[in-house]
Amino acid sequence: MSIFSASIQHRTYHWQMNSMCFVLGILIAASWQTATAVSRAGIASQRTGFYYPPSAVAQVQDEKEKLANLQTEIKTRGNDITILQNKLAQGTDASETLNKQLQEIKLQAGQTNVIGQGIEIALVDSRNKPTSPNDMINQSNLIHDTDVMTVVNELRAAGAEAISVNDQRVIATTAIRCVGPNVQVNGVPYASPFIIRAIGDPNALLGGLKTPGGVFEKIGLYDAAMIKADKKAELKLPAFGGNTQIRFAKSEAAPVKPSETKPTDTKSDLKSTQSDKTEDSNTKASDQKNSETKSLTDKNNDTSTETKTKDRDEKRNGQ
C-alpha cells in the first residue's frame, strides 16, 4: 500500500465522522427547540411531557365541570331515595325488616354515604420528579396507578369497610388505571395528590400499610414525603355515583320452568273448598244420624228386654 492511498483512506474516514456529527447536531438542535417551545407554552404535563392545545384543555375542563354536576345530582337523588325508602318502611315489622336488609346491602355495595373512624392517606409526587419524559431515572418519584391500587388492596386486606380515592367511592367494579398523564378512578382522571380515605379500625389499617416490606417502605424508599397516613376519628365518604346496571351477569339460582307452575284458578279453588266443606258437613250429619239411630235402637232393645222380664214375672206369680 502506497502512502498516497493510505492518506486518501484516512481523509475518507474523517469525512464520514464529520458528516455523522453534523447530522447528529441537527437532530439535537431540533429536539431542543421542540422541548423549549413546549415548556414556554406552559401546558406540558409534568408527568409524561404530553402537550395539549389550549382549546382542548378548555374543553376538558368544561366536561369535568358537567361531570361533577351530574355526579352531585346523582348523589342527591340517591339520598332522596333512601329517605323515601325509610318512610315507606314505617308501620309494619315486615317492611321495616326488608328495608333494614336493603340499606345494609346498599351500604356494602357503596350506594350510600358512610361515616366512621379510619385513616387518611396522601400520595404526592416527589419534588425530584422528572422534568421530561426521557428522564427515566426519576420516574419512580411519581405516584403511578399501581401505587394507588397497592394502597387500596392493602386497606382491603386490613379490613377496610369503605374506601374512597379523591372522593371517588371504591366498589367492586372500580377501575384504577393510568391514562395519559393522569390516573383514572371510576373513569374520572386525577393527578397528584391522591387522597385515599378508609373507614375501619385505624390501628389495623395503619398497621397493614406499615408492615415490613409493605407499601409504605416501597413508596417511601425514593422519597419519604411521597406517602403520609393519619388516623381520623371521623371520616365521611360519598356514595358511588357511577353506573351500577348489570347487563350480562345473572343469578345462579335456577329459574322456575313454565311447566312446573300451574295457573291459579280462584273460582275452582273456591268451588273445591266449598265442596270439601259440604262433604264434611254431610259426613258429620250422617254420623250424627247414625248415632241417634243406634241410640234409639239400644233404647228399644232395653224396653223390649224389660217387657219380656215383666211378662215372665207375671206368669210365675199366676202359677
Protein backbone atom coordinates (compact mmCIF):
# COMPACT_ATOMS: atom_id res chain seq x y z
CA MET A 1 0.00 0.00 0.00
CA SER A 2 1.37 3.37 -1.01
CA ILE A 3 1.46 6.44 1.19
CA PHE A 4 -0.92 8.20 -1.23
CA SER A 5 -3.66 5.54 -0.91
CA ALA A 6 -3.36 5.48 2.90
CA SER A 7 -3.79 9.25 3.01
CA ILE A 8 -6.97 9.02 0.89
CA GLN A 9 -8.48 6.38 3.19
CA HIS A 10 -7.66 8.50 6.24
CA ARG A 11 -9.37 11.54 4.72
CA THR A 12 -12.46 9.46 3.83
CA TYR A 13 -12.74 8.29 7.44
CA HIS A 14 -12.60 11.87 8.75
CA TRP A 15 -15.24 12.96 6.23
CA GLN A 16 -17.64 10.23 7.36
CA MET A 17 -17.18 11.15 11.03
CA ASN A 18 -17.76 14.84 10.33
CA SER A 19 -20.95 14.06 8.39
CA MET A 20 -22.34 11.91 11.22
CA CYS A 21 -21.58 14.58 13.82
CA PHE A 22 -23.25 17.23 11.66
CA VAL A 23 -26.47 15.21 11.28
CA LEU A 24 -26.50 14.37 15.00
CA GLY A 25 -26.07 18.04 15.86
CA ILE A 26 -29.08 18.99 13.70
CA LEU A 27 -31.24 16.35 15.44
CA ILE A 28 -30.21 17.54 18.90
CA ALA A 29 -30.92 21.16 17.99
CA ALA A 30 -34.38 20.27 16.65
CA SER A 31 -35.21 18.30 19.80
CA TRP A 32 -34.05 21.17 22.00
CA GLN A 33 -36.21 23.68 20.11
CA THR A 34 -39.27 21.44 20.44
CA ALA A 35 -38.75 20.95 24.18
CA THR A 36 -38.27 24.70 24.67
CA ALA A 37 -41.47 25.52 22.77
CA VAL A 38 -43.49 23.06 24.84
CA SER A 39 -42.01 24.39 28.07
CA ARG A 40 -42.81 28.00 27.15
CA ALA A 41 -46.41 27.05 26.33
CA GLY A 42 -46.88 26.17 29.98
CA ILE A 43 -49.25 23.22 29.26
CA ALA A 44 -46.80 20.37 29.17
CA SER A 45 -47.54 17.63 31.65
CA GLN A 46 -45.01 17.32 34.42
CA ARG A 47 -45.62 13.56 34.42
CA THR A 48 -45.08 12.49 30.81
CA GLY A 49 -44.41 15.56 28.69
CA PHE A 50 -47.68 15.49 26.71
CA TYR A 51 -48.76 18.70 25.03
CA TYR A 52 -52.41 19.73 24.72
CA PRO A 53 -53.71 22.73 22.74
CA PRO A 54 -55.42 25.42 24.86
CA SER A 55 -58.78 24.72 23.17
CA ALA A 56 -58.58 21.04 24.13
CA VAL A 57 -57.68 21.93 27.71
CA ALA A 58 -60.67 24.29 27.96
CA GLN A 59 -63.00 21.63 26.55
CA VAL A 60 -61.74 19.06 29.04
CA GLN A 61 -62.28 21.46 31.93
CA ASP A 62 -65.82 22.17 30.73
CA GLU A 63 -66.61 18.45 30.53
CA LYS A 64 -65.16 17.93 34.00
CA GLU A 65 -67.50 20.56 35.42
CA LYS A 66 -70.51 18.94 33.73
CA LEU A 67 -69.49 15.54 35.05
CA ALA A 68 -69.08 16.91 38.58
CA ASN A 69 -72.55 18.48 38.43
CA LEU A 70 -74.12 15.23 37.23
CA GLN A 71 -72.39 13.23 39.96
CA THR A 72 -73.64 15.68 42.59
CA GLU A 73 -77.18 15.31 41.26
CA ILE A 74 -76.90 11.50 41.33
CA LYS A 75 -75.77 11.57 44.96
CA THR A 76 -78.61 13.93 45.90
CA ARG A 77 -81.19 11.71 44.21
CA GLY A 78 -79.69 8.68 45.95
CA ASN A 79 -80.12 10.32 49.34
CA ASP A 80 -83.72 11.21 48.49
CA ILE A 81 -84.43 7.59 47.54
CA THR A 82 -83.03 6.36 50.86
CA ILE A 83 -85.23 8.81 52.79
CA LEU A 84 -88.33 7.68 50.88
CA GLN A 85 -87.50 4.03 51.47
CA ASN A 86 -87.23 4.65 55.20
CA LYS A 87 -90.59 6.44 55.22
CA LEU A 88 -92.32 3.66 53.28
CA ALA A 89 -90.94 1.04 55.68
CA GLN A 90 -92.55 2.62 58.74
CA GLY A 91 -95.65 0.93 60.06
CA THR A 92 -95.16 -2.83 59.71
CA ASP A 93 -92.48 -5.12 61.10
CA ALA A 94 -92.05 -6.94 57.79
CA SER A 95 -91.49 -3.70 55.86
CA GLU A 96 -89.01 -2.44 58.42
CA THR A 97 -87.07 -5.72 58.28
CA LEU A 98 -86.91 -5.66 54.48
CA ASN A 99 -85.83 -2.02 54.46
CA LYS A 100 -83.10 -2.75 57.01
CA GLN A 101 -81.74 -5.53 54.81
CA LEU A 102 -81.94 -3.25 51.77
CA GLN A 103 -79.97 -0.49 53.50
CA GLU A 104 -77.30 -2.98 54.60
CA ILE A 105 -76.93 -4.21 51.01
CA LYS A 106 -76.65 -0.62 49.75
CA LEU A 107 -74.01 0.06 52.40
CA GLN A 108 -71.92 -2.93 51.32
CA ALA A 109 -72.33 -2.02 47.63
CA GLY A 110 -71.20 1.58 48.21
CA GLN A 111 -74.58 3.04 47.24
CA THR A 112 -74.97 5.24 50.32
CA ASN A 113 -72.93 7.85 52.17
CA VAL A 114 -71.00 6.48 55.14
CA ILE A 115 -69.37 7.95 58.23
CA GLY A 116 -66.94 6.45 60.72
CA GLN A 117 -63.41 6.33 62.06
CA GLY A 118 -60.44 5.32 59.95
CA ILE A 119 -57.30 6.69 58.31
CA GLU A 120 -56.44 9.19 55.57
CA ILE A 121 -53.52 8.59 53.20
CA ALA A 122 -51.91 11.22 50.98
CA LEU A 123 -49.88 10.12 47.93
CA VAL A 124 -47.88 13.01 46.44
CA ASP A 125 -45.32 13.25 43.65
CA SER A 126 -41.80 13.89 44.89
CA ARG A 127 -40.12 17.24 44.44
CA ASN A 128 -37.46 15.37 42.49
CA LYS A 129 -39.95 14.31 39.84
CA PRO A 130 -38.72 14.14 36.22
CA THR A 131 -38.88 17.27 34.12
CA SER A 132 -39.06 15.40 30.80
CA PRO A 133 -40.45 12.07 29.60
CA ASN A 134 -36.91 10.91 28.77
CA ASP A 135 -35.84 11.18 32.41
CA MET A 136 -36.34 7.51 33.27
CA ILE A 137 -34.19 7.69 36.41
CA ASN A 138 -36.68 9.82 38.34
CA GLN A 139 -39.86 8.10 37.11
CA SER A 140 -40.07 6.31 40.46
CA ASN A 141 -40.53 9.69 42.12
CA LEU A 142 -44.02 9.91 40.62
CA ILE A 143 -47.20 8.39 42.04
CA HIS A 144 -48.48 5.86 39.49
CA ASP A 145 -51.74 3.94 39.20
CA THR A 146 -50.02 0.85 40.59
CA ASP A 147 -49.18 2.75 43.78
CA VAL A 148 -52.82 3.75 44.28
CA MET A 149 -54.02 0.20 43.60
CA THR A 150 -51.47 -1.25 46.02
CA VAL A 151 -52.63 1.05 48.82
CA VAL A 152 -56.30 0.21 48.15
CA ASN A 153 -55.57 -3.54 48.18
CA GLU A 154 -53.62 -3.28 51.44
CA LEU A 155 -56.50 -1.38 53.04
CA ARG A 156 -58.97 -4.05 51.93
CA ALA A 157 -56.74 -6.79 53.30
CA ALA A 158 -56.52 -4.93 56.61
CA GLY A 159 -60.32 -4.88 56.97
CA ALA A 160 -61.40 -1.55 55.49
CA GLU A 161 -65.20 -1.36 55.27
CA ALA A 162 -65.35 1.61 52.87
CA ILE A 163 -62.67 3.29 50.71
CA SER A 164 -62.58 6.40 48.54
CA VAL A 165 -59.90 7.88 46.27
CA ASN A 166 -60.20 11.64 45.74
CA ASP A 167 -63.87 11.35 46.82
CA GLN A 168 -64.49 8.54 44.32
CA ARG A 169 -66.06 5.62 46.20
CA VAL A 170 -64.23 2.36 45.52
CA ILE A 171 -66.59 -0.55 44.79
CA ALA A 172 -66.28 -3.99 43.20
CA THR A 173 -66.23 -2.59 39.63
CA THR A 174 -63.89 0.34 40.30
CA ALA A 175 -61.01 0.60 37.81
CA ILE A 176 -57.78 2.43 38.73
CA ARG A 177 -55.53 2.86 35.71
CA CYS A 178 -53.11 5.26 34.08
CA VAL A 179 -54.44 7.11 31.02
CA GLY A 180 -52.01 9.60 29.51
CA PRO A 181 -50.63 11.89 32.21
CA ASN A 182 -53.41 11.12 34.71
CA VAL A 183 -54.71 8.27 36.84
CA GLN A 184 -58.36 7.44 36.27
CA VAL A 185 -60.58 6.32 39.14
CA ASN A 186 -64.08 5.22 38.10
CA GLY A 187 -63.34 6.79 34.73
CA VAL A 188 -62.55 10.23 36.21
CA PRO A 189 -58.96 11.50 35.64
CA TYR A 190 -56.91 12.79 38.56
CA ALA A 191 -53.36 13.99 39.06
CA SER A 192 -51.23 14.11 42.20
CA PRO A 193 -52.03 14.41 45.07
CA PHE A 194 -54.23 11.36 45.69
CA ILE A 195 -56.18 11.44 48.95
CA ILE A 196 -57.30 7.96 49.99
CA ARG A 197 -59.74 7.59 52.88
CA ALA A 198 -60.66 4.29 54.51
CA ILE A 199 -63.20 3.56 57.25
CA GLY A 200 -62.31 0.78 59.67
CA ASP A 201 -60.10 0.03 62.65
CA PRO A 202 -57.43 2.79 62.44
CA ASN A 203 -54.74 0.68 64.14
CA ALA A 204 -55.33 -2.32 61.89
CA LEU A 205 -55.42 -0.22 58.71
CA LEU A 206 -52.26 1.71 59.57
CA GLY A 207 -50.51 -1.48 60.65
CA GLY A 208 -51.35 -3.13 57.34
CA LEU A 209 -49.72 -0.29 55.39
CA LYS A 210 -46.61 -0.19 57.57
CA THR A 211 -45.79 -3.90 57.58
CA PRO A 212 -42.09 -4.61 56.86
CA GLY A 213 -41.55 -4.55 53.12
CA GLY A 214 -45.03 -3.12 52.60
CA VAL A 215 -46.32 -0.24 50.54
CA PHE A 216 -45.07 2.41 52.97
CA GLU A 217 -41.49 1.23 52.61
CA LYS A 218 -41.70 0.75 48.84
CA ILE A 219 -43.09 4.21 48.07
CA GLY A 220 -41.09 5.98 50.78
CA LEU A 221 -37.88 4.36 49.55
CA TYR A 222 -37.49 7.08 46.91
CA ASP A 223 -38.86 9.96 48.98
CA ALA A 224 -40.42 9.63 52.45
CA ALA A 225 -42.64 12.64 51.75
CA MET A 226 -44.46 10.81 48.93
CA ILE A 227 -46.74 8.92 51.34
CA LYS A 228 -48.32 10.01 54.61
CA ALA A 229 -51.08 8.48 56.74
CA ASP A 230 -53.01 9.85 59.70
CA LYS A 231 -55.69 8.39 61.97
CA LYS A 232 -59.06 10.12 61.83
CA ALA A 233 -61.80 9.98 64.47
CA GLU A 234 -64.43 10.69 61.82
CA LEU A 235 -64.42 10.36 58.05
CA LYS A 236 -67.23 11.00 55.59
CA LEU A 237 -67.21 9.01 52.36
CA PRO A 238 -69.62 9.73 49.49
CA ALA A 239 -71.76 7.14 47.76
CA PHE A 240 -70.73 5.72 44.39
CA GLY A 241 -72.05 7.98 41.65
CA GLY A 242 -71.44 5.85 38.56
CA ASN A 243 -73.46 3.30 36.62
CA THR A 244 -74.44 0.14 38.52
CA GLN A 245 -76.60 -1.51 35.85
CA ILE A 246 -75.97 -5.26 35.47
CA ARG A 247 -76.39 -6.33 31.83
CA PHE A 248 -74.84 -9.77 31.47
CA ALA A 249 -74.43 -11.33 34.92
CA LYS A 250 -77.38 -13.42 36.06
CA SER A 251 -78.21 -15.08 39.36
CA GLU A 252 -77.08 -18.70 39.59
CA ALA A 253 -80.42 -19.73 41.14
CA ALA A 254 -82.29 -21.92 38.63
CA PRO A 255 -85.41 -20.20 37.28
CA VAL A 256 -88.76 -21.98 37.67
CA LYS A 257 -89.81 -23.65 34.41
CA PRO A 258 -93.21 -22.71 32.98
CA SER A 259 -94.30 -26.38 33.02
CA GLU A 260 -93.70 -26.55 36.76
CA THR A 261 -96.09 -23.73 37.50
CA LYS A 262 -99.85 -24.12 37.31
CA PRO A 263 -102.15 -21.18 36.73
CA THR A 264 -104.16 -20.25 39.76
CA ASP A 265 -107.93 -20.56 39.27
CA THR A 266 -109.61 -18.72 42.10
CA LYS A 267 -113.10 -19.92 41.19
CA SER A 268 -112.02 -23.58 41.07
CA ASP A 269 -110.23 -23.25 44.38
CA LEU A 270 -113.29 -21.62 45.94
CA LYS A 271 -115.61 -24.28 44.49
CA SER A 272 -113.33 -27.06 45.72
CA THR A 273 -113.22 -25.51 49.17
CA GLN A 274 -116.99 -25.22 49.31
CA SER A 275 -117.33 -28.83 48.11
CA ASP A 276 -114.99 -30.00 50.84
CA LYS A 277 -116.96 -28.07 53.42
CA THR A 278 -120.26 -29.55 52.16
CA GLU A 279 -118.80 -33.05 52.23
CA ASP A 280 -117.57 -32.55 55.77
CA SER A 281 -120.99 -31.23 56.79
CA ASN A 282 -122.75 -34.22 55.22
CA THR A 283 -120.37 -36.61 56.90
CA LYS A 284 -120.99 -35.02 60.27
CA ALA A 285 -124.80 -35.12 59.72
CA SER A 286 -124.62 -38.76 58.69
CA ASP A 287 -122.54 -39.64 61.73
CA GLN A 288 -124.97 -37.79 63.97
CA LYS A 289 -127.97 -39.57 62.38
CA ASN A 290 -126.32 -42.97 62.75
CA SER A 291 -125.57 -42.17 66.36
CA GLU A 292 -129.19 -41.20 67.00
CA THR A 293 -130.45 -44.36 65.24
CA LYS A 294 -128.13 -46.53 67.29
CA SER A 295 -129.24 -44.82 70.47
CA LEU A 296 -132.92 -45.34 69.57
CA THR A 297 -132.25 -48.98 68.70
CA ASP A 298 -130.50 -49.53 72.01
CA LYS A 299 -133.40 -47.89 73.82
CA ASN A 300 -135.95 -50.10 72.04
CA ASN A 301 -133.90 -53.15 72.85
CA ASP A 302 -133.82 -52.17 76.50
CA THR A 303 -137.61 -51.61 76.52
CA SER A 304 -138.23 -54.98 74.85
CA THR A 305 -135.99 -56.75 77.34
CA GLU A 306 -137.75 -55.04 80.23
CA THR A 307 -141.19 -56.05 78.87
CA LYS A 308 -140.15 -59.69 78.46
CA THR A 309 -138.83 -59.78 82.00
CA LYS A 310 -142.09 -58.30 83.35
CA ASP A 311 -144.23 -60.86 81.46
CA ARG A 312 -142.12 -63.71 82.77
CA ASP A 313 -142.52 -62.49 86.34
CA GLU A 314 -146.33 -62.19 85.95
CA LYS A 315 -146.57 -65.76 84.61
CA ARG A 316 -144.64 -67.07 87.56
CA ASN A 317 -146.90 -65.23 90.01
CA GLY A 318 -150.02 -66.61 88.28
CA GLN A 319 -148.86 -70.14 88.65
